N, C-alpha and C. Protein backbone atom coordinates (compact mmCIF):
# COMPACT_ATOMS: atom_id res chain seq x y z
N MET A 1 68.65 68.02 74.43
CA MET A 1 69.04 68.53 75.76
C MET A 1 70.29 69.38 75.62
N ARG A 2 70.23 70.58 76.18
CA ARG A 2 71.33 71.53 76.06
C ARG A 2 72.33 71.32 77.21
N LYS A 3 73.60 71.32 76.85
CA LYS A 3 74.64 71.17 77.86
C LYS A 3 74.68 72.39 78.77
N LEU A 4 74.69 72.13 80.07
CA LEU A 4 74.71 73.24 81.03
C LEU A 4 76.09 73.86 81.09
N LYS A 5 76.12 75.17 81.21
CA LYS A 5 77.38 75.88 81.33
C LYS A 5 77.89 75.83 82.77
N ILE A 6 79.21 75.91 82.91
CA ILE A 6 79.81 75.95 84.25
C ILE A 6 79.48 77.29 84.87
N PRO A 7 78.98 77.30 86.10
CA PRO A 7 78.70 78.60 86.75
C PRO A 7 79.94 79.48 86.75
N ALA A 8 79.80 80.70 86.28
CA ALA A 8 80.95 81.61 86.16
C ALA A 8 81.61 81.84 87.51
N ASN A 9 80.78 81.94 88.56
CA ASN A 9 81.37 82.23 89.87
C ASN A 9 82.22 81.08 90.38
N LEU A 10 81.87 79.83 90.01
CA LEU A 10 82.65 78.68 90.45
C LEU A 10 84.01 78.66 89.75
N THR A 11 84.02 78.99 88.48
CA THR A 11 85.28 79.07 87.75
C THR A 11 86.16 80.18 88.32
N VAL A 12 85.56 81.32 88.63
CA VAL A 12 86.32 82.45 89.21
C VAL A 12 86.89 82.06 90.57
N LEU A 13 86.10 81.37 91.38
CA LEU A 13 86.59 80.94 92.70
C LEU A 13 87.76 79.97 92.56
N ALA A 14 87.66 79.05 91.60
CA ALA A 14 88.76 78.11 91.36
C ALA A 14 89.99 78.85 90.87
N TYR A 15 89.79 79.76 89.95
CA TYR A 15 90.89 80.57 89.41
C TYR A 15 91.60 81.34 90.53
N ASN A 16 90.84 82.02 91.37
CA ASN A 16 91.43 82.81 92.45
C ASN A 16 92.19 81.94 93.45
N SER A 17 91.62 80.78 93.77
CA SER A 17 92.27 79.88 94.73
C SER A 17 93.58 79.31 94.20
N ILE A 18 93.57 78.88 92.93
CA ILE A 18 94.78 78.31 92.34
C ILE A 18 95.85 79.39 92.17
N LYS A 19 95.42 80.57 91.74
CA LYS A 19 96.37 81.67 91.55
C LYS A 19 97.03 82.05 92.87
N GLU A 20 96.23 82.12 93.93
CA GLU A 20 96.78 82.43 95.25
C GLU A 20 97.79 81.38 95.68
N TYR A 21 97.46 80.12 95.45
CA TYR A 21 98.35 79.00 95.77
C TYR A 21 99.70 79.16 95.07
N ILE A 22 99.65 79.57 93.80
CA ILE A 22 100.88 79.75 93.02
C ILE A 22 101.68 80.94 93.51
N LEU A 23 101.01 82.08 93.70
CA LEU A 23 101.72 83.31 94.07
C LEU A 23 102.22 83.30 95.51
N GLU A 24 101.65 82.43 96.33
CA GLU A 24 102.16 82.28 97.70
C GLU A 24 103.42 81.42 97.74
N GLY A 25 103.82 80.90 96.57
CA GLY A 25 105.05 80.12 96.49
C GLY A 25 104.90 78.66 96.87
N LYS A 26 103.68 78.13 96.85
CA LYS A 26 103.45 76.75 97.26
C LYS A 26 103.67 75.76 96.12
N LEU A 27 103.95 76.27 94.93
CA LEU A 27 104.28 75.43 93.79
C LEU A 27 105.64 75.83 93.28
N ASP A 28 106.61 74.89 93.34
CA ASP A 28 107.94 75.22 92.83
C ASP A 28 108.08 74.69 91.40
N GLU A 29 109.24 74.90 90.81
CA GLU A 29 109.43 74.57 89.40
C GLU A 29 109.34 73.08 89.11
N SER A 30 109.56 72.25 90.13
CA SER A 30 109.48 70.80 89.93
C SER A 30 108.10 70.26 90.30
N GLY A 31 107.25 71.12 90.86
CA GLY A 31 105.93 70.69 91.30
C GLY A 31 104.95 70.58 90.14
N ARG A 32 103.83 69.89 90.42
CA ARG A 32 102.83 69.66 89.38
C ARG A 32 101.44 69.80 89.97
N LEU A 33 100.55 70.41 89.21
CA LEU A 33 99.15 70.52 89.60
C LEU A 33 98.31 69.68 88.65
N THR A 34 97.49 68.81 89.19
CA THR A 34 96.59 68.01 88.37
C THR A 34 95.15 68.40 88.68
N GLU A 35 94.28 68.14 87.72
CA GLU A 35 92.86 68.44 87.94
C GLU A 35 92.32 67.62 89.10
N GLU A 36 92.77 66.37 89.23
CA GLU A 36 92.30 65.50 90.32
C GLU A 36 92.71 66.06 91.68
N PHE A 37 93.98 66.48 91.80
CA PHE A 37 94.47 67.05 93.06
C PHE A 37 93.67 68.29 93.44
N LEU A 38 93.48 69.18 92.47
CA LEU A 38 92.78 70.44 92.73
C LEU A 38 91.30 70.20 93.01
N SER A 39 90.71 69.21 92.34
CA SER A 39 89.31 68.88 92.58
C SER A 39 89.10 68.41 94.01
N ASN A 40 90.01 67.55 94.47
CA ASN A 40 89.93 67.06 95.85
C ASN A 40 90.21 68.16 96.86
N ARG A 41 91.19 69.00 96.51
CA ARG A 41 91.60 70.07 97.43
C ARG A 41 90.50 71.14 97.58
N LEU A 42 89.87 71.49 96.47
CA LEU A 42 88.87 72.56 96.49
C LEU A 42 87.44 72.04 96.68
N GLY A 43 87.26 70.74 96.53
CA GLY A 43 85.93 70.17 96.73
C GLY A 43 84.94 70.50 95.63
N ILE A 44 85.44 70.66 94.40
CA ILE A 44 84.56 70.95 93.27
C ILE A 44 84.92 70.03 92.12
N SER A 45 84.07 70.02 91.08
CA SER A 45 84.32 69.14 89.93
C SER A 45 85.52 69.64 89.12
N LYS A 46 85.94 68.82 88.17
CA LYS A 46 87.12 69.15 87.38
C LYS A 46 86.86 70.22 86.31
N SER A 47 85.61 70.37 85.88
CA SER A 47 85.31 71.29 84.78
C SER A 47 85.70 72.74 85.09
N PRO A 48 85.26 73.33 86.22
CA PRO A 48 85.69 74.71 86.50
C PRO A 48 87.18 74.82 86.75
N ILE A 49 87.79 73.75 87.26
CA ILE A 49 89.23 73.75 87.48
C ILE A 49 89.95 73.79 86.13
N ARG A 50 89.44 73.04 85.16
CA ARG A 50 90.04 73.04 83.83
C ARG A 50 89.96 74.44 83.21
N GLU A 51 88.82 75.08 83.37
CA GLU A 51 88.65 76.44 82.86
C GLU A 51 89.62 77.40 83.54
N ALA A 52 89.76 77.26 84.85
CA ALA A 52 90.66 78.13 85.61
C ALA A 52 92.11 77.93 85.18
N LEU A 53 92.52 76.68 84.98
CA LEU A 53 93.89 76.39 84.55
C LEU A 53 94.17 76.96 83.17
N ASN A 54 93.19 76.85 82.28
CA ASN A 54 93.36 77.42 80.94
C ASN A 54 93.56 78.93 81.01
N ARG A 55 92.83 79.58 81.89
CA ARG A 55 92.97 81.03 82.05
C ARG A 55 94.35 81.38 82.59
N LEU A 56 94.82 80.61 83.56
CA LEU A 56 96.14 80.87 84.15
C LEU A 56 97.26 80.62 83.13
N GLU A 57 97.05 79.65 82.26
CA GLU A 57 98.03 79.40 81.20
C GLU A 57 98.05 80.57 80.22
N ALA A 58 96.86 81.08 79.88
CA ALA A 58 96.77 82.22 78.96
C ALA A 58 97.45 83.45 79.55
N GLU A 59 97.44 83.58 80.89
CA GLU A 59 98.07 84.72 81.55
C GLU A 59 99.58 84.53 81.72
N GLY A 60 100.08 83.34 81.40
CA GLY A 60 101.52 83.12 81.45
C GLY A 60 102.06 82.68 82.79
N LEU A 61 101.18 82.21 83.69
CA LEU A 61 101.66 81.77 85.00
C LEU A 61 102.01 80.28 85.03
N ILE A 62 101.36 79.49 84.21
CA ILE A 62 101.61 78.05 84.19
C ILE A 62 101.70 77.58 82.74
N ARG A 63 102.19 76.35 82.57
CA ARG A 63 102.14 75.69 81.27
C ARG A 63 101.47 74.33 81.49
N ILE A 64 100.59 73.95 80.61
CA ILE A 64 99.83 72.71 80.75
C ILE A 64 100.36 71.68 79.77
N GLU A 65 100.68 70.50 80.29
CA GLU A 65 101.12 69.39 79.45
C GLU A 65 100.00 68.35 79.40
N ALA A 66 99.61 67.96 78.21
CA ALA A 66 98.50 67.02 78.04
C ALA A 66 98.74 65.73 78.83
N ARG A 67 97.72 65.34 79.60
CA ARG A 67 97.71 64.10 80.39
C ARG A 67 98.74 64.08 81.51
N ARG A 68 99.39 65.21 81.75
CA ARG A 68 100.38 65.25 82.83
C ARG A 68 100.03 66.25 83.91
N GLY A 69 99.51 67.39 83.52
CA GLY A 69 99.15 68.40 84.50
C GLY A 69 99.74 69.75 84.19
N ALA A 70 99.67 70.62 85.17
CA ALA A 70 100.14 72.00 85.00
C ALA A 70 101.41 72.22 85.80
N TYR A 71 102.34 72.94 85.21
CA TYR A 71 103.62 73.24 85.85
C TYR A 71 103.83 74.75 85.90
N LEU A 72 104.63 75.17 86.85
CA LEU A 72 104.96 76.58 86.97
C LEU A 72 105.69 77.04 85.71
N ARG A 73 105.31 78.19 85.21
CA ARG A 73 105.97 78.74 84.02
C ARG A 73 107.39 79.18 84.37
N THR A 74 108.33 78.86 83.53
CA THR A 74 109.70 79.35 83.69
C THR A 74 110.01 80.31 82.55
N PHE A 75 110.95 81.21 82.77
CA PHE A 75 111.24 82.26 81.80
C PHE A 75 112.72 82.28 81.45
N SER A 76 112.99 82.50 80.19
CA SER A 76 114.36 82.70 79.75
C SER A 76 114.78 84.12 80.10
N ILE A 77 116.08 84.38 80.04
CA ILE A 77 116.58 85.74 80.32
C ILE A 77 115.99 86.72 79.32
N LYS A 78 115.87 86.30 78.07
CA LYS A 78 115.29 87.18 77.04
C LYS A 78 113.84 87.52 77.37
N GLU A 79 113.07 86.54 77.82
CA GLU A 79 111.67 86.77 78.17
C GLU A 79 111.55 87.71 79.36
N ILE A 80 112.44 87.54 80.34
CA ILE A 80 112.44 88.42 81.51
C ILE A 80 112.77 89.85 81.10
N ASP A 81 113.75 89.99 80.22
CA ASP A 81 114.13 91.30 79.73
C ASP A 81 112.96 91.96 78.99
N GLU A 82 112.24 91.17 78.23
CA GLU A 82 111.09 91.71 77.49
C GLU A 82 109.96 92.10 78.43
N LEU A 83 109.75 91.32 79.49
CA LEU A 83 108.72 91.66 80.47
C LEU A 83 109.02 93.01 81.13
N TYR A 84 110.30 93.21 81.48
CA TYR A 84 110.67 94.48 82.12
C TYR A 84 110.60 95.63 81.13
N ASP A 85 110.86 95.35 79.87
CA ASP A 85 110.73 96.37 78.84
C ASP A 85 109.26 96.83 78.75
N LEU A 86 108.37 95.85 78.77
CA LEU A 86 106.94 96.16 78.74
C LEU A 86 106.51 96.90 80.00
N ARG A 87 107.01 96.43 81.12
CA ARG A 87 106.67 97.09 82.39
C ARG A 87 107.12 98.55 82.39
N GLU A 88 108.32 98.79 81.88
CA GLU A 88 108.83 100.17 81.83
C GLU A 88 107.91 101.05 80.99
N ALA A 89 107.51 100.56 79.83
CA ALA A 89 106.63 101.34 78.96
C ALA A 89 105.31 101.66 79.65
N LEU A 90 104.72 100.66 80.32
CA LEU A 90 103.44 100.85 80.99
C LEU A 90 103.54 101.84 82.16
N GLU A 91 104.59 101.68 82.95
CA GLU A 91 104.66 102.47 84.18
C GLU A 91 105.16 103.89 83.96
N VAL A 92 106.02 104.09 83.00
CA VAL A 92 106.43 105.47 82.68
C VAL A 92 105.23 106.22 82.11
N HIS A 93 104.44 105.53 81.30
CA HIS A 93 103.21 106.15 80.79
C HIS A 93 102.25 106.46 81.94
N ALA A 94 102.17 105.55 82.92
CA ALA A 94 101.28 105.77 84.07
C ALA A 94 101.70 107.02 84.85
N VAL A 95 102.99 107.19 85.06
CA VAL A 95 103.48 108.37 85.77
C VAL A 95 103.14 109.64 84.99
N ARG A 96 103.23 109.56 83.68
CA ARG A 96 102.95 110.73 82.85
C ARG A 96 101.48 111.11 82.87
N THR A 97 100.57 110.12 82.98
CA THR A 97 99.14 110.39 82.83
C THR A 97 98.33 110.28 84.12
N ALA A 98 98.96 109.89 85.22
CA ALA A 98 98.23 109.73 86.48
C ALA A 98 97.63 111.06 86.96
N LYS A 99 96.45 110.98 87.55
CA LYS A 99 95.85 112.15 88.17
C LYS A 99 96.39 112.25 89.59
N VAL A 100 97.25 113.23 89.81
CA VAL A 100 97.93 113.35 91.10
C VAL A 100 97.08 114.18 92.05
N THR A 101 96.73 113.61 93.18
CA THR A 101 95.94 114.28 94.20
C THR A 101 96.66 114.17 95.54
N PRO A 102 96.31 114.99 96.51
CA PRO A 102 96.90 114.84 97.86
C PRO A 102 96.66 113.43 98.43
N ALA A 103 95.49 112.86 98.13
CA ALA A 103 95.19 111.51 98.64
C ALA A 103 96.14 110.48 98.04
N LEU A 104 96.46 110.61 96.74
CA LEU A 104 97.39 109.68 96.10
C LEU A 104 98.78 109.83 96.70
N ILE A 105 99.25 111.05 96.86
CA ILE A 105 100.58 111.28 97.45
C ILE A 105 100.65 110.67 98.85
N ALA A 106 99.60 110.88 99.65
CA ALA A 106 99.58 110.32 101.02
C ALA A 106 99.62 108.80 100.98
N GLU A 107 98.87 108.20 100.04
CA GLU A 107 98.84 106.74 99.91
C GLU A 107 100.21 106.20 99.54
N LEU A 108 100.89 106.86 98.61
CA LEU A 108 102.21 106.42 98.17
C LEU A 108 103.25 106.58 99.28
N GLN A 109 103.16 107.67 100.03
CA GLN A 109 104.09 107.88 101.14
C GLN A 109 103.91 106.83 102.23
N GLN A 110 102.65 106.48 102.50
CA GLN A 110 102.38 105.43 103.48
C GLN A 110 102.92 104.08 103.01
N SER A 111 102.81 103.85 101.70
CA SER A 111 103.33 102.62 101.13
C SER A 111 104.85 102.53 101.31
N ILE A 112 105.54 103.65 101.12
CA ILE A 112 107.00 103.66 101.29
C ILE A 112 107.36 103.34 102.74
N ARG A 113 106.61 103.89 103.69
CA ARG A 113 106.88 103.59 105.10
C ARG A 113 106.67 102.11 105.40
N ARG A 114 105.61 101.53 104.86
CA ARG A 114 105.37 100.11 105.08
C ARG A 114 106.46 99.26 104.42
N LEU A 115 106.90 99.70 103.24
CA LEU A 115 107.95 98.98 102.52
C LEU A 115 109.23 98.91 103.36
N ARG A 116 109.60 100.02 103.94
CA ARG A 116 110.80 100.05 104.79
C ARG A 116 110.63 99.15 106.02
N LYS A 117 109.43 99.16 106.57
CA LYS A 117 109.16 98.33 107.75
C LYS A 117 109.30 96.85 107.40
N HIS A 118 108.76 96.44 106.26
CA HIS A 118 108.85 95.03 105.85
C HIS A 118 110.29 94.65 105.51
N ARG A 119 111.04 95.60 104.97
CA ARG A 119 112.44 95.35 104.68
C ARG A 119 113.23 95.13 105.97
N GLU A 120 112.97 95.96 106.96
CA GLU A 120 113.67 95.84 108.24
C GLU A 120 113.36 94.53 108.94
N SER A 121 112.12 94.06 108.81
CA SER A 121 111.73 92.80 109.46
C SER A 121 112.00 91.59 108.57
N ASN A 122 112.52 91.85 107.36
CA ASN A 122 112.85 90.79 106.39
C ASN A 122 111.65 89.92 106.04
N ASP A 123 110.48 90.56 105.97
CA ASP A 123 109.26 89.85 105.57
C ASP A 123 109.13 89.95 104.05
N LYS A 124 109.67 88.96 103.37
CA LYS A 124 109.78 89.02 101.91
C LYS A 124 108.42 89.09 101.21
N ALA A 125 107.48 88.26 101.65
CA ALA A 125 106.18 88.23 100.99
C ALA A 125 105.46 89.57 101.10
N LYS A 126 105.44 90.13 102.31
CA LYS A 126 104.76 91.41 102.52
C LYS A 126 105.50 92.55 101.81
N TYR A 127 106.82 92.43 101.76
CA TYR A 127 107.61 93.46 101.07
C TYR A 127 107.24 93.50 99.58
N ILE A 128 107.23 92.34 98.95
CA ILE A 128 106.92 92.29 97.52
C ILE A 128 105.48 92.74 97.28
N GLU A 129 104.55 92.32 98.15
CA GLU A 129 103.16 92.75 98.01
C GLU A 129 103.04 94.27 98.09
N GLU A 130 103.78 94.88 99.02
CA GLU A 130 103.71 96.33 99.18
C GLU A 130 104.36 97.04 98.00
N ASP A 131 105.43 96.47 97.50
CA ASP A 131 106.08 97.04 96.31
C ASP A 131 105.11 97.05 95.14
N VAL A 132 104.42 95.92 94.95
CA VAL A 132 103.43 95.83 93.88
C VAL A 132 102.29 96.83 94.11
N ALA A 133 101.88 96.97 95.37
CA ALA A 133 100.77 97.89 95.70
C ALA A 133 101.12 99.33 95.35
N PHE A 134 102.38 99.72 95.55
CA PHE A 134 102.82 101.08 95.21
C PHE A 134 102.63 101.34 93.71
N HIS A 135 103.12 100.41 92.91
CA HIS A 135 103.04 100.57 91.46
C HIS A 135 101.59 100.48 90.97
N THR A 136 100.81 99.63 91.62
CA THR A 136 99.40 99.49 91.25
C THR A 136 98.64 100.78 91.53
N ALA A 137 98.93 101.42 92.66
CA ALA A 137 98.25 102.67 93.02
C ALA A 137 98.52 103.74 91.97
N LEU A 138 99.74 103.80 91.49
CA LEU A 138 100.08 104.79 90.46
C LEU A 138 99.33 104.52 89.15
N VAL A 139 99.28 103.27 88.76
CA VAL A 139 98.58 102.92 87.52
C VAL A 139 97.08 103.15 87.66
N ASN A 140 96.51 102.81 88.82
CA ASN A 140 95.09 103.03 89.04
C ASN A 140 94.73 104.51 88.96
N ALA A 141 95.70 105.36 89.31
CA ALA A 141 95.45 106.80 89.30
C ALA A 141 95.31 107.35 87.88
N THR A 142 95.63 106.54 86.87
CA THR A 142 95.43 106.98 85.48
C THR A 142 93.96 106.86 85.09
N GLY A 143 93.22 106.01 85.81
CA GLY A 143 91.83 105.77 85.45
C GLY A 143 91.68 104.87 84.24
N ASN A 144 92.78 104.28 83.78
CA ASN A 144 92.78 103.42 82.59
C ASN A 144 92.73 101.96 83.04
N GLY A 145 91.55 101.36 82.96
CA GLY A 145 91.37 99.99 83.42
C GLY A 145 92.17 98.97 82.63
N LEU A 146 92.29 99.16 81.31
CA LEU A 146 93.06 98.23 80.48
C LEU A 146 94.55 98.27 80.84
N LEU A 147 95.04 99.46 81.12
CA LEU A 147 96.43 99.62 81.52
C LEU A 147 96.68 98.90 82.85
N ALA A 148 95.76 99.07 83.79
CA ALA A 148 95.89 98.42 85.10
C ALA A 148 95.87 96.91 84.97
N LYS A 149 94.99 96.40 84.11
CA LYS A 149 94.89 94.94 83.92
C LYS A 149 96.15 94.39 83.29
N GLU A 150 96.71 95.10 82.32
CA GLU A 150 97.93 94.63 81.67
C GLU A 150 99.11 94.62 82.63
N LEU A 151 99.21 95.67 83.46
CA LEU A 151 100.31 95.71 84.42
C LEU A 151 100.16 94.59 85.45
N GLU A 152 98.93 94.30 85.88
CA GLU A 152 98.71 93.21 86.83
C GLU A 152 99.22 91.89 86.25
N SER A 153 98.95 91.66 84.97
CA SER A 153 99.41 90.45 84.31
C SER A 153 100.94 90.38 84.29
N VAL A 154 101.58 91.50 83.97
CA VAL A 154 103.05 91.56 83.95
C VAL A 154 103.60 91.32 85.36
N GLN A 155 103.02 91.97 86.36
CA GLN A 155 103.49 91.83 87.74
C GLN A 155 103.36 90.40 88.23
N ASN A 156 102.27 89.73 87.87
CA ASN A 156 102.09 88.35 88.29
C ASN A 156 103.19 87.45 87.73
N ARG A 157 103.54 87.65 86.46
CA ARG A 157 104.59 86.83 85.85
C ARG A 157 105.95 87.16 86.46
N ILE A 158 106.20 88.42 86.72
CA ILE A 158 107.46 88.82 87.35
C ILE A 158 107.57 88.22 88.74
N TRP A 159 106.44 88.12 89.43
CA TRP A 159 106.43 87.57 90.80
C TRP A 159 107.04 86.17 90.84
N LEU A 160 106.81 85.37 89.81
CA LEU A 160 107.24 83.98 89.81
C LEU A 160 108.74 83.82 90.00
N PHE A 161 109.53 84.72 89.38
CA PHE A 161 110.98 84.60 89.56
C PHE A 161 111.50 85.61 90.58
N ARG A 162 110.70 86.62 90.90
CA ARG A 162 111.16 87.64 91.84
C ARG A 162 111.24 87.11 93.27
N ARG A 163 110.42 86.13 93.59
CA ARG A 163 110.46 85.54 94.94
C ARG A 163 111.84 85.01 95.27
N ASN A 164 112.54 84.52 94.25
CA ASN A 164 113.84 83.89 94.46
C ASN A 164 115.02 84.86 94.32
N THR A 165 114.74 86.12 94.00
CA THR A 165 115.81 87.10 93.81
C THR A 165 115.55 88.36 94.65
N TYR A 166 114.88 88.16 95.77
CA TYR A 166 114.47 89.26 96.65
C TYR A 166 115.63 90.17 97.05
N ASP A 167 116.76 89.59 97.41
CA ASP A 167 117.88 90.37 97.94
C ASP A 167 118.56 91.26 96.89
N LEU A 168 118.29 91.03 95.64
CA LEU A 168 118.98 91.79 94.60
C LEU A 168 118.58 93.26 94.58
N SER A 169 117.31 93.55 94.82
CA SER A 169 116.83 94.92 94.64
C SER A 169 116.04 95.48 95.81
N SER A 170 115.79 94.67 96.84
CA SER A 170 114.90 95.11 97.91
C SER A 170 115.44 96.31 98.69
N SER A 171 116.75 96.41 98.82
CA SER A 171 117.32 97.51 99.61
C SER A 171 117.16 98.86 98.94
N GLY A 172 117.13 98.88 97.60
CA GLY A 172 117.09 100.15 96.90
C GLY A 172 115.71 100.66 96.53
N ALA A 173 114.69 99.79 96.58
CA ALA A 173 113.35 100.17 96.12
C ALA A 173 112.74 101.33 96.90
N PRO A 174 112.82 101.37 98.24
CA PRO A 174 112.21 102.50 98.96
C PRO A 174 112.74 103.85 98.51
N ALA A 175 114.04 103.95 98.29
CA ALA A 175 114.63 105.22 97.84
C ALA A 175 114.15 105.59 96.45
N HIS A 176 114.03 104.60 95.56
CA HIS A 176 113.51 104.85 94.22
C HIS A 176 112.07 105.32 94.27
N HIS A 177 111.27 104.66 95.11
CA HIS A 177 109.87 105.06 95.25
C HIS A 177 109.76 106.49 95.78
N GLU A 178 110.62 106.80 96.72
CA GLU A 178 110.61 108.15 97.30
C GLU A 178 110.95 109.20 96.24
N ALA A 179 111.91 108.90 95.39
CA ALA A 179 112.30 109.83 94.33
C ALA A 179 111.13 110.07 93.36
N ILE A 180 110.39 109.01 93.07
CA ILE A 180 109.22 109.13 92.18
C ILE A 180 108.17 110.04 92.81
N VAL A 181 107.84 109.79 94.08
CA VAL A 181 106.80 110.57 94.77
C VAL A 181 107.22 112.02 94.93
N ASN A 182 108.48 112.26 95.27
CA ASN A 182 108.96 113.63 95.47
C ASN A 182 108.84 114.48 94.21
N ALA A 183 108.98 113.82 93.05
CA ALA A 183 108.92 114.56 91.78
C ALA A 183 107.52 114.60 91.19
N LEU A 184 106.64 113.75 91.68
CA LEU A 184 105.36 113.53 91.03
C LEU A 184 104.49 114.78 90.95
N GLU A 185 104.47 115.56 92.03
CA GLU A 185 103.57 116.72 92.09
C GLU A 185 104.03 117.88 91.22
N ASN A 186 105.35 118.14 91.22
CA ASN A 186 105.84 119.38 90.61
C ASN A 186 106.71 119.22 89.38
N ASP A 187 107.19 118.00 89.12
CA ASP A 187 108.11 117.80 88.00
C ASP A 187 107.83 116.44 87.38
N ARG A 188 106.78 116.38 86.56
CA ARG A 188 106.36 115.10 85.99
C ARG A 188 107.44 114.44 85.15
N PRO A 189 108.20 115.18 84.32
CA PRO A 189 109.29 114.53 83.57
C PRO A 189 110.34 113.88 84.49
N ALA A 190 110.65 114.54 85.61
CA ALA A 190 111.61 113.96 86.56
C ALA A 190 111.05 112.69 87.19
N ALA A 191 109.74 112.67 87.45
CA ALA A 191 109.11 111.48 88.00
C ALA A 191 109.16 110.33 87.00
N GLN A 192 108.98 110.65 85.71
CA GLN A 192 109.08 109.63 84.67
C GLN A 192 110.50 109.06 84.60
N ARG A 193 111.48 109.94 84.69
CA ARG A 193 112.88 109.47 84.68
C ARG A 193 113.17 108.60 85.90
N ALA A 194 112.63 108.98 87.04
CA ALA A 194 112.85 108.21 88.27
C ALA A 194 112.24 106.82 88.15
N MET A 195 111.06 106.74 87.55
CA MET A 195 110.42 105.44 87.36
C MET A 195 111.22 104.59 86.37
N ARG A 196 111.66 105.21 85.29
CA ARG A 196 112.45 104.49 84.28
C ARG A 196 113.75 103.96 84.90
N ASP A 197 114.42 104.80 85.67
CA ASP A 197 115.67 104.39 86.32
C ASP A 197 115.42 103.23 87.29
N HIS A 198 114.32 103.33 88.04
CA HIS A 198 113.98 102.30 89.02
C HIS A 198 113.83 100.94 88.35
N ILE A 199 113.04 100.89 87.29
CA ILE A 199 112.77 99.62 86.62
C ILE A 199 114.02 99.09 85.93
N ARG A 200 114.82 99.98 85.34
CA ARG A 200 116.02 99.53 84.65
C ARG A 200 117.07 98.98 85.61
N VAL A 201 117.19 99.58 86.77
CA VAL A 201 118.14 99.08 87.77
C VAL A 201 117.77 97.68 88.20
N VAL A 202 116.48 97.46 88.47
CA VAL A 202 116.01 96.13 88.87
C VAL A 202 116.24 95.12 87.76
N ARG A 203 115.90 95.51 86.53
CA ARG A 203 116.05 94.60 85.40
C ARG A 203 117.52 94.22 85.19
N GLU A 204 118.41 95.18 85.25
CA GLU A 204 119.83 94.90 85.02
C GLU A 204 120.41 93.98 86.10
N LYS A 205 120.03 94.23 87.35
CA LYS A 205 120.52 93.38 88.43
C LYS A 205 120.02 91.95 88.26
N LEU A 206 118.75 91.84 87.91
CA LEU A 206 118.15 90.51 87.77
C LEU A 206 118.73 89.75 86.59
N THR A 207 118.81 90.37 85.42
CA THR A 207 119.32 89.66 84.24
C THR A 207 120.81 89.33 84.38
N ASP A 208 121.58 90.22 85.02
CA ASP A 208 123.00 89.93 85.26
C ASP A 208 123.14 88.74 86.20
N HIS A 209 122.32 88.71 87.24
CA HIS A 209 122.36 87.61 88.20
C HIS A 209 122.02 86.28 87.52
N LEU A 210 120.97 86.28 86.70
CA LEU A 210 120.54 85.06 86.03
C LEU A 210 121.56 84.61 84.98
N ALA A 211 122.18 85.56 84.30
CA ALA A 211 123.20 85.21 83.30
C ALA A 211 124.41 84.57 83.97
N THR A 212 124.80 85.11 85.13
CA THR A 212 125.92 84.55 85.89
C THR A 212 125.59 83.14 86.37
N ALA A 213 124.37 82.96 86.90
CA ALA A 213 123.96 81.64 87.38
C ALA A 213 123.91 80.64 86.24
N GLU A 214 123.45 81.08 85.08
CA GLU A 214 123.35 80.20 83.91
C GLU A 214 124.74 79.78 83.42
N SER A 215 125.68 80.71 83.44
CA SER A 215 127.04 80.39 82.99
C SER A 215 127.72 79.40 83.92
N ARG A 216 127.36 79.47 85.21
CA ARG A 216 127.96 78.52 86.18
C ARG A 216 127.42 77.11 85.97
N ARG A 217 126.16 77.04 85.49
CA ARG A 217 125.55 75.71 85.26
C ARG A 217 125.99 75.10 83.95
N ALA A 218 126.49 75.94 83.02
CA ALA A 218 126.87 75.44 81.70
C ALA A 218 128.05 74.47 81.81
N PRO A 219 128.03 73.36 81.11
CA PRO A 219 129.15 72.41 81.14
C PRO A 219 130.40 73.00 80.52
N LEU A 220 131.53 72.64 81.07
CA LEU A 220 132.80 73.15 80.54
C LEU A 220 133.10 72.54 79.17
N ALA A 221 133.60 73.35 78.26
CA ALA A 221 133.93 72.85 76.91
C ALA A 221 135.16 71.94 76.99
N GLY A 222 135.21 70.97 76.06
CA GLY A 222 136.36 70.09 76.02
C GLY A 222 136.26 69.04 77.06
């Protein structure tokens, strides 16, 4: 008798549900996800949940401890710096190779208007979603599916710590986005510089903030 495979669609549904739960901020660093909890919550067996958790661990969103469950992934300052380094390489390349059309420019301009609106209303979740949407639209315009998938993975991991550092960079992002769009049609090198500057400013603010917080937590010598 051959062992039946888990229906792919059930694993995908479990993966999407758990991922949404994590990215909505419903799991904090001290929280824990177990197969039993998720099985009861989603109303499905543990097998597709196990597959979904393994996929999320491979993507760097969670860490799984044997017989204990899954925990939110935490990142060192070095890891965060490396993530932003990777993001910079991907997105500067995207600006260089994107197919720029009037429809893309209009989409990006609308995104900037929505970003400002969410900033004014202090809607953090929608603001971050719109910020991600802007960058995703640019990468999608390259037509490179592998590039888009890699950036999505990077953005998801960045989201985990970005929720808690919203105020560090939210005020400056609309202006950076505008600089990128203004240069995109007629001066591609300037658009690349604008994207590089944007990502580096965010990275420096974030790593400086985390280094300061870490030094405050460090025990005094002597």
